[in-house]
PDB file of all heavy atoms in Angstrom:
ATOM      1  N   ARG A   1      15.803  -1.483 -10.664  1.00  0.00           N
ATOM      2  CA  ARG A   1      16.467  -2.713 -11.115  1.00  0.00           C
ATOM      3  C   ARG A   1      16.340  -3.827 -10.079  1.00  0.00           C
ATOM      4  O   ARG A   1      15.997  -4.970 -10.395  1.00  0.00           O
ATOM      5  CB  ARG A   1      17.947  -2.437 -11.414  1.00  0.00           C
ATOM      6  CG  ARG A   1      18.694  -3.640 -12.006  1.00  0.00           C
ATOM      7  CD  ARG A   1      20.191  -3.367 -12.093  1.00  0.00           C
ATOM      8  NE  ARG A   1      20.847  -3.434 -10.806  1.00  0.00           N
ATOM      9  CZ  ARG A   1      21.165  -4.565 -10.164  1.00  0.00           C
ATOM     10  NH1 ARG A   1      20.869  -5.731 -10.684  1.00  0.00           N
ATOM     11  NH2 ARG A   1      21.777  -4.531  -9.002  1.00  0.00           N
ATOM     12  N   LEU A   2      16.584  -3.480  -8.816  1.00  0.00           N
ATOM     13  CA  LEU A   2      16.513  -4.483  -7.750  1.00  0.00           C
ATOM     14  C   LEU A   2      15.092  -4.998  -7.551  1.00  0.00           C
ATOM     15  O   LEU A   2      14.884  -6.193  -7.313  1.00  0.00           O
ATOM     16  CB  LEU A   2      17.059  -3.900  -6.450  1.00  0.00           C
ATOM     17  CG  LEU A   2      18.565  -3.618  -6.442  1.00  0.00           C
ATOM     18  CD1 LEU A   2      18.956  -2.873  -5.172  1.00  0.00           C
ATOM     19  CD2 LEU A   2      19.364  -4.895  -6.608  1.00  0.00           C
ATOM     20  N   LYS A   3      14.109  -4.124  -7.663  1.00  0.00           N
ATOM     21  CA  LYS A   3      12.709  -4.551  -7.537  1.00  0.00           C
ATOM     22  C   LYS A   3      12.315  -5.483  -8.682  1.00  0.00           C
ATOM     23  O   LYS A   3      11.562  -6.438  -8.485  1.00  0.00           O
ATOM     24  CB  LYS A   3      11.781  -3.345  -7.473  1.00  0.00           C
ATOM     25  CG  LYS A   3      11.834  -2.648  -6.127  1.00  0.00           C
ATOM     26  CD  LYS A   3      10.883  -1.474  -6.057  1.00  0.00           C
ATOM     27  CE  LYS A   3      10.905  -0.864  -4.659  1.00  0.00           C
ATOM     28  NZ  LYS A   3       9.996   0.282  -4.537  1.00  0.00           N
ATOM     29  N   GLU A   4      12.845  -5.220  -9.878  1.00  0.00           N
ATOM     30  CA  GLU A   4      12.583  -6.103 -11.014  1.00  0.00           C
ATOM     31  C   GLU A   4      13.197  -7.478 -10.790  1.00  0.00           C
ATOM     32  O   GLU A   4      12.584  -8.501 -11.106  1.00  0.00           O
ATOM     33  CB  GLU A   4      13.110  -5.479 -12.310  1.00  0.00           C
ATOM     34  CG  GLU A   4      12.274  -4.304 -12.781  1.00  0.00           C
ATOM     35  CD  GLU A   4      12.900  -3.537 -13.936  1.00  0.00           C
ATOM     36  OE1 GLU A   4      14.045  -3.854 -14.353  1.00  0.00           O
ATOM     37  OE2 GLU A   4      12.237  -2.599 -14.419  1.00  0.00           O
ATOM     38  N   VAL A   5      14.407  -7.513 -10.242  1.00  0.00           N
ATOM     39  CA  VAL A   5      15.047  -8.800  -9.928  1.00  0.00           C
ATOM     40  C   VAL A   5      14.209  -9.548  -8.902  1.00  0.00           C
ATOM     41  O   VAL A   5      13.939 -10.740  -9.056  1.00  0.00           O
ATOM     42  CB  VAL A   5      16.491  -8.605  -9.409  1.00  0.00           C
ATOM     43  CG1 VAL A   5      17.066  -9.913  -8.882  1.00  0.00           C
ATOM     44  CG2 VAL A   5      17.377  -8.027 -10.498  1.00  0.00           C
ATOM     45  N   LEU A   6      13.772  -8.860  -7.872  1.00  0.00           N
ATOM     46  CA  LEU A   6      12.961  -9.490  -6.821  1.00  0.00           C
ATOM     47  C   LEU A   6      11.665 -10.036  -7.401  1.00  0.00           C
ATOM     48  O   LEU A   6      11.266 -11.167  -7.094  1.00  0.00           O
ATOM     49  CB  LEU A   6      12.665  -8.474  -5.708  1.00  0.00           C
ATOM     50  CG  LEU A   6      11.827  -8.981  -4.540  1.00  0.00           C
ATOM     51  CD1 LEU A   6      12.502 -10.156  -3.852  1.00  0.00           C
ATOM     52  CD2 LEU A   6      11.582  -7.851  -3.547  1.00  0.00           C
ATOM     53  N   GLU A   7      11.013  -9.248  -8.239  1.00  0.00           N
ATOM     54  CA  GLU A   7       9.753  -9.683  -8.849  1.00  0.00           C
ATOM     55  C   GLU A   7       9.963 -10.911  -9.736  1.00  0.00           C
ATOM     56  O   GLU A   7       9.168 -11.846  -9.719  1.00  0.00           O
ATOM     57  CB  GLU A   7       9.167  -8.536  -9.673  1.00  0.00           C
ATOM     58  CG  GLU A   7       7.795  -8.834 -10.225  1.00  0.00           C
ATOM     59  CD  GLU A   7       7.224  -7.642 -10.958  1.00  0.00           C
ATOM     60  OE1 GLU A   7       7.141  -6.554 -10.363  1.00  0.00           O
ATOM     61  OE2 GLU A   7       6.852  -7.813 -12.140  1.00  0.00           O
ATOM     62  N   LYS A   8      11.057 -10.900 -10.478  1.00  0.00           N
ATOM     63  CA  LYS A   8      11.346 -11.990 -11.410  1.00  0.00           C
ATOM     64  C   LYS A   8      11.755 -13.273 -10.680  1.00  0.00           C
ATOM     65  O   LYS A   8      11.357 -14.369 -11.063  1.00  0.00           O
ATOM     66  CB  LYS A   8      12.459 -11.557 -12.359  1.00  0.00           C
ATOM     67  CG  LYS A   8      12.846 -12.584 -13.382  1.00  0.00           C
ATOM     68  CD  LYS A   8      13.945 -12.058 -14.278  1.00  0.00           C
ATOM     69  CE  LYS A   8      14.435 -13.121 -15.222  1.00  0.00           C
ATOM     70  NZ  LYS A   8      15.564 -12.655 -16.031  1.00  0.00           N
ATOM     71  N   CYS A   9      12.562 -13.133  -9.634  1.00  0.00           N
ATOM     72  CA  CYS A   9      13.157 -14.309  -8.985  1.00  0.00           C
ATOM     73  C   CYS A   9      12.392 -14.798  -7.760  1.00  0.00           C
ATOM     74  O   CYS A   9      12.616 -15.936  -7.327  1.00  0.00           O
ATOM     75  CB  CYS A   9      14.591 -13.996  -8.579  1.00  0.00           C
ATOM     76  SG  CYS A   9      15.626 -13.626  -9.998  1.00  0.00           S
ATOM     77  N   GLY A  10      11.570 -13.952  -7.170  1.00  0.00           N
ATOM     78  CA  GLY A  10      10.875 -14.354  -5.956  1.00  0.00           C
ATOM     79  C   GLY A  10      11.861 -14.713  -4.863  1.00  0.00           C
ATOM     80  O   GLY A  10      12.778 -13.959  -4.574  1.00  0.00           O
ATOM     81  N   ASP A  11      11.695 -15.893  -4.282  1.00  0.00           N
ATOM     82  CA  ASP A  11      12.588 -16.332  -3.204  1.00  0.00           C
ATOM     83  C   ASP A  11      13.850 -17.019  -3.709  1.00  0.00           C
ATOM     84  O   ASP A  11      14.722 -17.384  -2.929  1.00  0.00           O
ATOM     85  CB  ASP A  11      11.847 -17.283  -2.257  1.00  0.00           C
ATOM     86  CG  ASP A  11      10.789 -16.563  -1.445  1.00  0.00           C
ATOM     87  OD1 ASP A  11      10.921 -15.339  -1.239  1.00  0.00           O
ATOM     88  OD2 ASP A  11       9.825 -17.223  -1.011  1.00  0.00           O
ATOM     89  N   ASP A  12      13.960 -17.227  -5.006  1.00  0.00           N
ATOM     90  CA  ASP A  12      15.117 -17.886  -5.604  1.00  0.00           C
ATOM     91  C   ASP A  12      16.088 -16.831  -6.144  1.00  0.00           C
ATOM     92  O   ASP A  12      16.288 -16.676  -7.338  1.00  0.00           O
ATOM     93  CB  ASP A  12      14.665 -18.822  -6.726  1.00  0.00           C
ATOM     94  CG  ASP A  12      15.788 -19.706  -7.218  1.00  0.00           C
ATOM     95  OD1 ASP A  12      16.736 -19.960  -6.441  1.00  0.00           O
ATOM     96  OD2 ASP A  12      15.722 -20.130  -8.379  1.00  0.00           O
ATOM     97  N   TRP A  13      16.718 -16.082  -5.236  1.00  0.00           N
ATOM     98  CA  TRP A  13      17.573 -14.948  -5.594  1.00  0.00           C
ATOM     99  C   TRP A  13      18.902 -15.391  -6.167  1.00  0.00           C
ATOM    100  O   TRP A  13      19.469 -16.380  -5.733  1.00  0.00           O
ATOM    101  CB  TRP A  13      17.889 -14.092  -4.365  1.00  0.00           C
ATOM    102  CG  TRP A  13      16.742 -13.724  -3.519  1.00  0.00           C
ATOM    103  CD1 TRP A  13      15.463 -13.470  -3.921  1.00  0.00           C
ATOM    104  CD2 TRP A  13      16.751 -13.562  -2.109  1.00  0.00           C
ATOM    105  NE1 TRP A  13      14.689 -13.139  -2.848  1.00  0.00           N
ATOM    106  CE2 TRP A  13      15.453 -13.194  -1.717  1.00  0.00           C
ATOM    107  CE3 TRP A  13      17.730 -13.668  -1.148  1.00  0.00           C
ATOM    108  CZ2 TRP A  13      15.110 -12.942  -0.397  1.00  0.00           C
ATOM    109  CZ3 TRP A  13      17.398 -13.420   0.174  1.00  0.00           C
ATOM    110  CH2 TRP A  13      16.106 -13.066   0.536  1.00  0.00           C
ATOM    111  N   PRO A  14      19.443 -14.579  -7.079  1.00  0.00           N
ATOM    112  CA  PRO A  14      20.825 -14.814  -7.518  1.00  0.00           C
ATOM    113  C   PRO A  14      21.788 -14.547  -6.355  1.00  0.00           C
ATOM    114  O   PRO A  14      21.447 -13.821  -5.414  1.00  0.00           O
ATOM    115  CB  PRO A  14      21.032 -13.772  -8.628  1.00  0.00           C
ATOM    116  CG  PRO A  14      19.719 -13.138  -8.886  1.00  0.00           C
ATOM    117  CD  PRO A  14      18.800 -13.483  -7.770  1.00  0.00           C
ATOM    118  N   LYS A  15      22.983 -15.113  -6.418  1.00  0.00           N
ATOM    119  CA  LYS A  15      23.962 -14.954  -5.336  1.00  0.00           C
ATOM    120  C   LYS A  15      24.259 -13.505  -4.994  1.00  0.00           C
ATOM    121  O   LYS A  15      24.398 -13.139  -3.838  1.00  0.00           O
ATOM    122  CB  LYS A  15      25.277 -15.638  -5.710  1.00  0.00           C
ATOM    123  CG  LYS A  15      25.343 -17.067  -5.388  1.00  0.00           C
ATOM    124  CD  LYS A  15      26.732 -17.570  -5.719  1.00  0.00           C
ATOM    125  CE  LYS A  15      27.033 -18.810  -4.934  1.00  0.00           C
ATOM    126  NZ  LYS A  15      28.357 -19.319  -5.195  1.00  0.00           N
ATOM    127  N   GLU A  16      24.396 -12.655  -6.022  1.00  0.00           N
ATOM    128  CA  GLU A  16      24.800 -11.266  -5.799  1.00  0.00           C
ATOM    129  C   GLU A  16      23.640 -10.365  -5.398  1.00  0.00           C
ATOM    130  O   GLU A  16      23.826  -9.173  -5.213  1.00  0.00           O
ATOM    131  CB  GLU A  16      25.483 -10.713  -7.058  1.00  0.00           C
ATOM    132  CG  GLU A  16      24.578 -10.519  -8.251  1.00  0.00           C
ATOM    133  CD  GLU A  16      24.269 -11.792  -9.041  1.00  0.00           C
ATOM    134  OE1 GLU A  16      24.827 -12.857  -8.767  1.00  0.00           O
ATOM    135  OE2 GLU A  16      23.439 -11.695  -9.948  1.00  0.00           O
ATOM    136  N   PHE A  17      22.442 -10.931  -5.224  1.00  0.00           N
ATOM    137  CA  PHE A  17      21.256 -10.136  -4.929  1.00  0.00           C
ATOM    138  C   PHE A  17      20.810 -10.328  -3.489  1.00  0.00           C
ATOM    139  O   PHE A  17      20.746 -11.434  -2.992  1.00  0.00           O
ATOM    140  CB  PHE A  17      20.117 -10.527  -5.878  1.00  0.00           C
ATOM    141  CG  PHE A  17      18.835  -9.813  -5.603  1.00  0.00           C
ATOM    142  CD1 PHE A  17      18.673  -8.488  -5.967  1.00  0.00           C
ATOM    143  CD2 PHE A  17      17.789 -10.455  -4.973  1.00  0.00           C
ATOM    144  CE1 PHE A  17      17.492  -7.817  -5.713  1.00  0.00           C
ATOM    145  CE2 PHE A  17      16.601  -9.795  -4.712  1.00  0.00           C
ATOM    146  CZ  PHE A  17      16.454  -8.468  -5.086  1.00  0.00           C
ATOM    147  N   ASP A  18      20.478  -9.234  -2.834  1.00  0.00           N
ATOM    148  CA  ASP A  18      19.890  -9.263  -1.500  1.00  0.00           C
ATOM    149  C   ASP A  18      18.742  -8.258  -1.503  1.00  0.00           C
ATOM    150  O   ASP A  18      18.978  -7.062  -1.683  1.00  0.00           O
ATOM    151  CB  ASP A  18      20.926  -8.885  -0.450  1.00  0.00           C
ATOM    152  CG  ASP A  18      20.380  -8.955   0.965  1.00  0.00           C
ATOM    153  OD1 ASP A  18      19.150  -8.999   1.154  1.00  0.00           O
ATOM    154  OD2 ASP A  18      21.196  -8.955   1.908  1.00  0.00           O
ATOM    155  N   PRO A  19      17.505  -8.711  -1.320  1.00  0.00           N
ATOM    156  CA  PRO A  19      16.374  -7.784  -1.377  1.00  0.00           C
ATOM    157  C   PRO A  19      16.430  -6.692  -0.308  1.00  0.00           C
ATOM    158  O   PRO A  19      15.805  -5.641  -0.461  1.00  0.00           O
ATOM    159  CB  PRO A  19      15.150  -8.676  -1.201  1.00  0.00           C
ATOM    160  CG  PRO A  19      15.651  -9.925  -0.568  1.00  0.00           C
ATOM    161  CD  PRO A  19      17.075 -10.081  -1.019  1.00  0.00           C
ATOM    162  N   ASN A  20      17.206  -6.897   0.743  1.00  0.00           N
ATOM    163  CA  ASN A  20      17.351  -5.866   1.774  1.00  0.00           C
ATOM    164  C   ASN A  20      18.101  -4.635   1.256  1.00  0.00           C
ATOM    165  O   ASN A  20      17.984  -3.552   1.827  1.00  0.00           O
ATOM    166  CB  ASN A  20      18.069  -6.433   2.997  1.00  0.00           C
ATOM    167  CG  ASN A  20      17.248  -7.507   3.664  1.00  0.00           C
ATOM    168  OD1 ASN A  20      16.046  -7.377   3.832  1.00  0.00           O
ATOM    169  ND2 ASN A  20      17.895  -8.601   4.015  1.00  0.00           N
ATOM    170  N   ASP A  21      18.846  -4.793   0.174  1.00  0.00           N
ATOM    171  CA  ASP A  21      19.566  -3.659  -0.415  1.00  0.00           C
ATOM    172  C   ASP A  21      18.596  -2.573  -0.876  1.00  0.00           C
ATOM    173  O   ASP A  21      18.929  -1.385  -0.839  1.00  0.00           O
ATOM    174  CB  ASP A  21      20.424  -4.106  -1.593  1.00  0.00           C
ATOM    175  CG  ASP A  21      21.566  -5.034  -1.186  1.00  0.00           C
ATOM    176  OD1 ASP A  21      21.765  -5.238   0.036  1.00  0.00           O
ATOM    177  OD2 ASP A  21      22.242  -5.554  -2.086  1.00  0.00           O
ATOM    178  N   ILE A  22      17.410  -2.969  -1.293  1.00  0.00           N
ATOM    179  CA  ILE A  22      16.412  -1.996  -1.748  1.00  0.00           C
ATOM    180  C   ILE A  22      16.143  -0.969  -0.657  1.00  0.00           C
ATOM    181  O   ILE A  22      16.156   0.233  -0.909  1.00  0.00           O
ATOM    182  CB  ILE A  22      15.101  -2.699  -2.180  1.00  0.00           C
ATOM    183  CG1 ILE A  22      15.353  -3.609  -3.379  1.00  0.00           C
ATOM    184  CG2 ILE A  22      14.008  -1.670  -2.488  1.00  0.00           C
ATOM    185  CD1 ILE A  22      14.212  -4.557  -3.707  1.00  0.00           C
ATOM    186  N   SER A  23      15.926  -1.431   0.561  1.00  0.00           N
ATOM    187  CA  SER A  23      15.613  -0.501   1.648  1.00  0.00           C
ATOM    188  C   SER A  23      16.797   0.400   1.987  1.00  0.00           C
ATOM    189  O   SER A  23      16.608   1.560   2.364  1.00  0.00           O
ATOM    190  CB  SER A  23      15.129  -1.246   2.889  1.00  0.00           C
ATOM    191  OG  SER A  23      16.139  -2.087   3.387  1.00  0.00           O
ATOM    192  N   LEU A  24      18.017  -0.092   1.814  1.00  0.00           N
ATOM    193  CA  LEU A  24      19.196   0.747   2.068  1.00  0.00           C
ATOM    194  C   LEU A  24      19.241   1.914   1.085  1.00  0.00           C
ATOM    195  O   LEU A  24      19.498   3.053   1.473  1.00  0.00           O
ATOM    196  CB  LEU A  24      20.476  -0.074   1.968  1.00  0.00           C
ATOM    197  CG  LEU A  24      20.652  -1.164   3.024  1.00  0.00           C
ATOM    198  CD1 LEU A  24      21.858  -2.025   2.705  1.00  0.00           C
ATOM    199  CD2 LEU A  24      20.758  -0.564   4.401  1.00  0.00           C
ATOM    200  N   TYR A  25      18.988   1.621  -0.176  1.00  0.00           N
ATOM    201  CA  TYR A  25      18.972   2.690  -1.182  1.00  0.00           C
ATOM    202  C   TYR A  25      17.789   3.638  -0.967  1.00  0.00           C
ATOM    203  O   TYR A  25      17.913   4.842  -1.175  1.00  0.00           O
ATOM    204  CB  TYR A  25      18.941   2.107  -2.592  1.00  0.00           C
ATOM    205  CG  TYR A  25      20.236   1.443  -2.986  1.00  0.00           C
ATOM    206  CD1 TYR A  25      20.285   0.106  -3.351  1.00  0.00           C
ATOM    207  CD2 TYR A  25      21.429   2.155  -2.994  1.00  0.00           C
ATOM    208  CE1 TYR A  25      21.468  -0.498  -3.717  1.00  0.00           C
ATOM    209  CE2 TYR A  25      22.629   1.554  -3.357  1.00  0.00           C
ATOM    210  CZ  TYR A  25      22.639   0.226  -3.712  1.00  0.00           C
ATOM    211  OH  TYR A  25      23.825  -0.360  -4.071  1.00  0.00           O
ATOM    212  N   GLU A  26      16.658   3.101  -0.546  1.00  0.00           N
ATOM    213  CA  GLU A  26      15.477   3.943  -0.307  1.00  0.00           C
ATOM    214  C   GLU A  26      15.706   4.917   0.846  1.00  0.00           C
ATOM    215  O   GLU A  26      15.219   6.046   0.822  1.00  0.00           O
ATOM    216  CB  GLU A  26      14.240   3.087  -0.053  1.00  0.00           C
ATOM    217  CG  GLU A  26      13.727   2.414  -1.303  1.00  0.00           C
ATOM    218  CD  GLU A  26      12.577   1.454  -1.068  1.00  0.00           C
ATOM    219  OE1 GLU A  26      12.425   0.929   0.059  1.00  0.00           O
ATOM    220  OE2 GLU A  26      11.833   1.207  -2.024  1.00  0.00           O
ATOM    221  N   ILE A  27      16.471   4.507   1.842  1.00  0.00           N
ATOM    222  CA  ILE A  27      16.801   5.399   2.962  1.00  0.00           C
ATOM    223  C   ILE A  27      17.552   6.626   2.454  1.00  0.00           C
ATOM    224  O   ILE A  27      17.224   7.761   2.798  1.00  0.00           O
ATOM    225  CB  ILE A  27      17.635   4.649   4.031  1.00  0.00           C
ATOM    226  CG1 ILE A  27      16.766   3.634   4.771  1.00  0.00           C
ATOM    227  CG2 ILE A  27      18.301   5.626   5.010  1.00  0.00           C
ATOM    228  CD1 ILE A  27      17.542   2.655   5.631  1.00  0.00           C
ATOM    229  N   VAL A  28      18.568   6.400   1.630  1.00  0.00           N
ATOM    230  CA  VAL A  28      19.352   7.508   1.089  1.00  0.00           C
ATOM    231  C   VAL A  28      18.491   8.350   0.143  1.00  0.00           C
ATOM    232  O   VAL A  28      18.520   9.581   0.199  1.00  0.00           O
ATOM    233  CB  VAL A  28      20.615   6.997   0.364  1.00  0.00           C
ATOM    234  CG1 VAL A  28      21.406   8.153  -0.235  1.00  0.00           C
ATOM    235  CG2 VAL A  28      21.498   6.200   1.311  1.00  0.00           C
ATOM    236  N   GLN A  29      17.692   7.704  -0.676  1.00  0.00           N
ATOM    237  CA  GLN A  29      16.830   8.421  -1.616  1.00  0.00           C
ATOM    238  C   GLN A  29      15.885   9.370  -0.866  1.00  0.00           C
ATOM    239  O   GLN A  29      15.749  10.536  -1.243  1.00  0.00           O
ATOM    240  CB  GLN A  29      16.027   7.421  -2.448  1.00  0.00           C
ATOM    241  CG  GLN A  29      15.160   8.069  -3.512  1.00  0.00           C
ATOM    242  CD  GLN A  29      14.346   7.038  -4.262  1.00  0.00           C
ATOM    243  OE1 GLN A  29      13.813   6.097  -3.671  1.00  0.00           O
ATOM    244  NE2 GLN A  29      14.253   7.209  -5.579  1.00  0.00           N
ATOM    245  N   LYS A  30      15.268   8.886   0.196  1.00  0.00           N
ATOM    246  CA  LYS A  30      14.351   9.730   0.978  1.00  0.00           C
ATOM    247  C   LYS A  30      15.082  10.909   1.615  1.00  0.00           C
ATOM    248  O   LYS A  30      14.551  12.002   1.706  1.00  0.00           O
ATOM    249  CB  LYS A  30      13.641   8.897   2.034  1.00  0.00           C
ATOM    250  CG  LYS A  30      12.584   8.005   1.447  1.00  0.00           C
ATOM    251  CD  LYS A  30      11.908   7.150   2.483  1.00  0.00           C
ATOM    252  CE  LYS A  30      10.929   6.239   1.775  1.00  0.00           C
ATOM    253  NZ  LYS A  30      10.763   4.967   2.394  1.00  0.00           N
ATOM    254  N   GLU A  31      16.304  10.674   2.045  1.00  0.00           N
ATOM    255  CA  GLU A  31      17.107  11.737   2.655  1.00  0.00           C
ATOM    256  C   GLU A  31      17.447  12.830   1.635  1.00  0.00           C
ATOM    257  O   GLU A  31      17.482  14.007   1.983  1.00  0.00           O
ATOM    258  CB  GLU A  31      18.399  11.141   3.223  1.00  0.00           C
ATOM    259  CG  GLU A  31      19.262  12.103   3.966  1.00  0.00           C
ATOM    260  CD  GLU A  31      18.702  12.528   5.306  1.00  0.00           C
ATOM    261  OE1 GLU A  31      17.964  11.743   5.917  1.00  0.00           O
ATOM    262  OE2 GLU A  31      19.014  13.652   5.734  1.00  0.00           O
ATOM    263  N   PHE A  32      17.674  12.446   0.402  1.00  0.00           N
ATOM    264  CA  PHE A  32      18.097  13.390  -0.628  1.00  0.00           C
ATOM    265  C   PHE A  32      16.942  14.069  -1.363  1.00  0.00           C
ATOM    266  O   PHE A  32      17.132  15.116  -1.953  1.00  0.00           O
ATOM    267  CB  PHE A  32      18.979  12.695  -1.659  1.00  0.00           C
ATOM    268  CG  PHE A  32      20.354  12.341  -1.157  1.00  0.00           C
ATOM    269  CD1 PHE A  32      21.218  11.644  -1.964  1.00  0.00           C
ATOM    270  CD2 PHE A  32      20.790  12.681   0.116  1.00  0.00           C
ATOM    271  CE1 PHE A  32      22.489  11.300  -1.531  1.00  0.00           C
ATOM    272  CE2 PHE A  32      22.052  12.351   0.567  1.00  0.00           C
ATOM    273  CZ  PHE A  32      22.904  11.657  -0.268  1.00  0.00           C
ATOM    274  N   GLU A  33      15.759  13.450  -1.354  1.00  0.00           N
ATOM    275  CA  GLU A  33      14.629  14.033  -2.074  1.00  0.00           C
ATOM    276  C   GLU A  33      14.333  15.437  -1.555  1.00  0.00           C
ATOM    277  O   GLU A  33      14.302  15.677  -0.359  1.00  0.00           O
ATOM    278  CB  GLU A  33      13.394  13.150  -1.954  1.00  0.00           C
ATOM    279  CG  GLU A  33      13.478  11.923  -2.830  1.00  0.00           C
ATOM    280  CD  GLU A  33      12.323  10.962  -2.652  1.00  0.00           C
ATOM    281  OE1 GLU A  33      11.584  11.052  -1.641  1.00  0.00           O
ATOM    282  OE2 GLU A  33      12.171  10.091  -3.524  1.00  0.00           O
ATOM    283  N   GLY A  34      14.127  16.362  -2.478  1.00  0.00           N
ATOM    284  CA  GLY A  34      13.855  17.743  -2.119  1.00  0.00           C
ATOM    285  C   GLY A  34      15.101  18.561  -1.837  1.00  0.00           C
ATOM    286  O   GLY A  34      15.018  19.744  -1.530  1.00  0.00           O
ATOM    287  N   GLN A  35      16.278  17.957  -1.953  1.00  0.00           N
ATOM    288  CA  GLN A  35      17.533  18.649  -1.669  1.00  0.00           C
ATOM    289  C   GLN A  35      18.324  18.962  -2.936  1.00  0.00           C
ATOM    290  O   GLN A  35      19.499  19.291  -2.866  1.00  0.00           O
ATOM    291  CB  GLN A  35      18.403  17.796  -0.731  1.00  0.00           C
ATOM    292  CG  GLN A  35      17.745  17.427   0.571  1.00  0.00           C
ATOM    293  CD  GLN A  35      17.369  18.640   1.386  1.00  0.00           C
ATOM    294  OE1 GLN A  35      18.102  19.616   1.444  1.00  0.00           O
ATOM    295  NE2 GLN A  35      16.214  18.605   2.013  1.00  0.00           N
ATOM    296  N   GLU A  36      17.659  18.885  -4.091  1.00  0.00           N
ATOM    297  CA  GLU A  36      18.348  19.068  -5.369  1.00  0.00           C
ATOM    298  C   GLU A  36      18.943  20.461  -5.518  1.00  0.00           C
ATOM    299  O   GLU A  36      19.904  20.660  -6.247  1.00  0.00           O
ATOM    300  CB  GLU A  36      17.409  18.803  -6.550  1.00  0.00           C
ATOM    301  CG  GLU A  36      16.914  17.377  -6.622  1.00  0.00           C
ATOM    302  CD  GLU A  36      15.573  17.191  -5.914  1.00  0.00           C
ATOM    303  OE1 GLU A  36      15.297  17.867  -4.905  1.00  0.00           O
ATOM    304  OE2 GLU A  36      14.795  16.356  -6.387  1.00  0.00           O
ATOM    305  N   VAL A  37      18.378  21.450  -4.852  1.00  0.00           N
ATOM    306  CA  VAL A  37      18.879  22.822  -4.971  1.00  0.00           C
ATOM    307  C   VAL A  37      19.891  23.139  -3.876  1.00  0.00           C
ATOM    308  O   VAL A  37      20.950  23.692  -4.132  1.00  0.00           O
ATOM    309  CB  VAL A  37      17.705  23.831  -4.936  1.00  0.00           C
ATOM    310  CG1 VAL A  37      18.229  25.253  -4.930  1.00  0.00           C
ATOM    311  CG2 VAL A  37      16.785  23.604  -6.121  1.00  0.00           C
ATOM    312  N   ALA A  38      19.572  22.758  -2.654  1.00  0.00           N
ATOM    313  CA  ALA A  38      20.409  23.132  -1.510  1.00  0.00           C
ATOM    314  C   ALA A  38      21.628  22.239  -1.325  1.00  0.00           C
ATOM    315  O   ALA A  38      22.639  22.662  -0.776  1.00  0.00           O
ATOM    316  CB  ALA A  38      19.578  23.105  -0.234  1.00  0.00           C
TER     317      ALA A  38
END
């Protein structure tokens, strides 16, 4: 969703959007990947 907003808006972001949030979620996603069983 955030990548779609970034692609659509470019540098003209909505107030509630910060493209840096993508990397924060990606950090957690990478940490959890492969841990679905354990």
